[in-house]
Protein backbone atom coordinates (compact mmCIF):
# COMPACT_ATOMS: atom_id res chain seq x y z
CA MET A 1 85.82 125.86 91.79
CA LEU A 2 87.27 128.12 93.53
CA PRO A 3 90.62 126.82 94.50
CA LEU A 4 91.91 129.32 97.41
CA ALA A 5 95.81 128.01 98.32
CA GLU A 6 96.44 128.30 94.59
CA LEU A 7 94.58 131.78 93.99
CA GLY A 8 96.64 132.99 97.14
CA LEU A 9 96.33 136.66 97.78
CA GLN A 10 93.98 136.88 94.10
CA ALA A 11 91.37 135.30 96.68
CA GLU A 12 89.51 138.05 97.54
CA ALA A 13 88.85 139.40 93.76
CA ALA A 14 87.85 135.99 93.14
CA MET A 15 85.04 135.40 95.23
CA ALA A 16 84.21 138.48 94.62
CA ALA A 17 84.07 138.38 90.78
CA THR A 18 82.02 134.37 91.20
CA ALA A 19 78.40 135.38 90.39
CA ALA A 20 76.19 133.36 92.95
CA ARG A 21 75.35 129.72 90.76
CA ALA A 22 73.45 126.18 91.67
CA LEU A 23 76.56 124.84 92.47
CA VAL A 24 79.74 126.92 93.95
CA VAL A 25 82.83 124.51 95.10
CA ILE A 26 85.39 126.37 97.47
CA ASP A 27 88.42 123.84 97.99
CA ASP A 28 90.95 124.65 100.72
CA VAL A 29 89.04 126.98 102.97
CA ASP A 30 91.68 127.30 105.50
CA ALA A 31 93.89 129.10 103.00
CA ILE A 32 92.01 131.76 103.94
CA ALA A 33 91.99 131.84 107.69
CA GLY A 34 93.35 134.63 109.55
CA ARG A 35 93.03 136.93 106.73
CA HIS A 36 89.89 139.08 107.42
CA ARG A 37 89.73 140.52 103.78
CA ALA A 38 89.16 137.19 102.31
CA GLU A 39 87.06 135.70 105.05
CA VAL A 40 84.55 138.69 104.29
CA GLY A 41 84.63 137.84 100.76
CA LEU A 42 83.91 134.09 101.57
CA PHE A 43 80.97 135.21 103.68
CA ASP A 44 79.66 137.42 101.39
CA LEU A 45 79.72 134.90 98.41
CA PHE A 46 78.47 132.03 100.88
CA ASN A 47 75.34 134.54 101.60
CA ARG A 48 75.14 135.62 97.79
CA THR A 49 74.94 132.10 96.93
CA ARG A 50 72.51 130.78 99.78
CA ASP A 51 70.05 133.76 98.83
CA ALA A 52 70.11 132.78 95.51
CA GLY A 53 69.05 129.10 96.25
CA GLY A 54 72.52 127.55 95.15
CA THR A 55 74.36 125.22 96.64
CA LEU A 56 77.86 125.59 98.51
CA LEU A 57 80.04 122.92 98.93
CA PHE A 58 83.49 123.36 101.02
CA THR A 59 86.79 121.45 101.47
CA ALA A 60 89.56 121.71 104.28
CA PRO A 61 91.72 119.33 105.77
CA ALA A 62 90.06 119.80 109.14
CA ALA A 63 86.32 120.44 110.93
CA VAL A 64 85.67 124.08 111.27
CA PRO A 65 86.90 124.73 114.58
CA ARG A 66 90.18 123.25 114.13
CA LEU A 67 90.62 125.78 110.73
CA GLY A 68 91.32 129.10 112.62
CA ILE A 69 88.45 131.34 110.90
CA GLY A 70 88.74 134.28 112.62
CA LEU A 71 85.31 135.83 111.31
CA PRO A 72 82.76 134.62 113.81
CA ASP A 73 79.67 134.95 111.30
CA LEU A 74 81.80 132.78 108.96
CA ALA A 75 82.79 130.26 111.43
CA SER A 76 79.42 130.04 112.42
CA ARG A 77 77.76 129.68 108.82
CA LEU A 78 80.63 127.00 108.09
CA ALA A 79 79.85 125.14 111.14
CA SER A 80 76.37 125.05 110.27
CA LEU A 81 77.06 123.12 107.01
CA GLY A 82 77.27 118.98 107.42
CA LEU A 83 80.66 117.24 107.40
CA LEU A 84 81.83 114.53 105.77
CA GLY A 85 85.46 113.17 106.62
CA LEU A 86 87.05 111.23 103.81
CA GLN A 87 89.94 108.91 104.23
CA PRO A 88 92.28 107.21 101.76
CA LEU A 89 90.79 103.49 100.57
CA SER A 90 92.69 100.83 101.87
CA ASP A 91 94.24 98.64 99.79
CA ASN A 92 91.56 95.79 100.20
CA ALA A 93 89.19 98.70 99.10
CA ARG A 94 91.68 99.76 95.97
CA ARG A 95 91.37 95.94 94.85
CA ARG A 96 87.96 95.50 95.08
CA VAL A 97 87.52 98.67 93.10
CA ILE A 98 89.88 97.38 90.47
CA HIS A 99 88.13 94.15 90.50
CA GLU A 100 84.66 95.74 90.14
CA ARG A 101 85.36 98.21 87.37
CA GLY A 102 87.28 95.73 85.30
CA THR A 103 84.29 92.90 85.44
CA ALA A 104 81.95 95.97 84.52
CA ARG A 105 84.25 96.20 81.43
CA GLY A 106 83.89 92.38 80.59
CA MET A 107 87.51 91.60 82.04
CA ASP A 108 88.11 88.82 84.57
CA VAL A 109 90.57 90.76 87.13
CA GLY A 110 91.64 87.75 89.02
CA ASP A 111 93.21 87.28 91.88
CA ASP A 112 97.09 86.79 90.35
CA VAL A 113 96.55 90.28 88.27
CA LEU A 114 95.75 92.06 91.81
CA ASP A 115 98.50 90.54 93.56
CA PHE A 116 100.88 91.42 90.48
CA LEU A 117 99.76 95.01 90.56
CA PHE A 118 99.86 95.51 94.21
CA ARG A 119 103.48 94.61 94.36
CA ARG A 120 104.79 96.13 90.91
CA TYR A 121 102.51 98.80 90.30
CA PRO A 122 101.78 102.58 92.36
CA ARG A 123 98.45 102.32 94.37
CA ASP A 124 97.50 105.36 93.73
CA LEU A 125 93.98 104.53 92.55
CA GLY A 126 94.25 107.28 89.68
CA ALA A 127 97.04 105.50 88.61
CA LEU A 128 95.61 102.13 88.84
CA LEU A 129 92.27 103.15 87.05
CA ASP A 130 94.55 104.65 84.47
CA LEU A 131 96.30 101.09 84.11
CA LEU A 132 93.01 99.41 83.97
CA ASP A 133 91.81 101.38 80.72
CA ARG A 134 95.07 100.74 79.17
CA LEU A 135 94.73 96.91 79.48
CA ASP A 136 90.80 97.36 78.49
CA ARG A 137 92.21 98.51 75.15
CA ALA A 138 94.95 96.08 74.78
CA THR A 139 92.17 93.43 75.37
CA LEU A 140 90.37 94.84 72.82
CA ALA A 141 93.04 95.33 70.47
CA ARG A 142 94.68 92.05 70.79
CA LYS A 143 91.40 90.01 71.22
CA ARG A 144 92.85 88.39 73.94
CA ARG A 145 91.51 87.93 77.68
CA LEU A 146 93.30 89.75 80.49
CA THR A 147 96.16 87.94 81.55
CA LEU A 148 99.22 88.47 83.88
CA GLN A 149 101.60 88.17 80.68
CA LEU A 150 99.11 90.82 79.19
CA VAL A 151 99.66 93.02 82.20
CA ARG A 152 103.18 92.79 82.04
CA ASP A 153 103.76 93.61 78.57
CA VAL A 154 101.21 96.59 79.21
CA ILE A 155 103.26 97.76 81.90
CA ARG A 156 106.41 97.17 79.53
CA ASP A 157 105.38 99.19 76.59
CA ALA A 158 104.58 102.03 78.84
CA ASP A 159 107.82 102.29 80.41
CA ASP A 160 109.84 102.00 76.88
């Protein structure tokens, strides 16, 4: 993966040094918009990867026409790709994820537990899944089912 925003002015060198692979992931395509040499470098990497039969995956905060790509050939290549917009999960969707993941691990994640988590814990899905891992380990180690008290204990222990 090439995180172009993090690479900054080194993006051109990184793209030139990247060999065509089965999968090339380019993060933050918008970070090179308007930088001619970087755009040419990405265009060349795009062509090398496609010619070698590889797959390209690009991320950007907007659709290609709104990125400000100055190199017409690169803008055209990027625009020819499929576009998938990702939206943050709603609270209900995050609740379903936690419930389903807990159920898959043999835990009964009831509404009382979910209500507590969504009132008292960060709603970031990554943080919730990390907590679910800790809860899973705690239920196994203590040989107890998942209860609201166990959730409180695990969160309190993490805060200490």
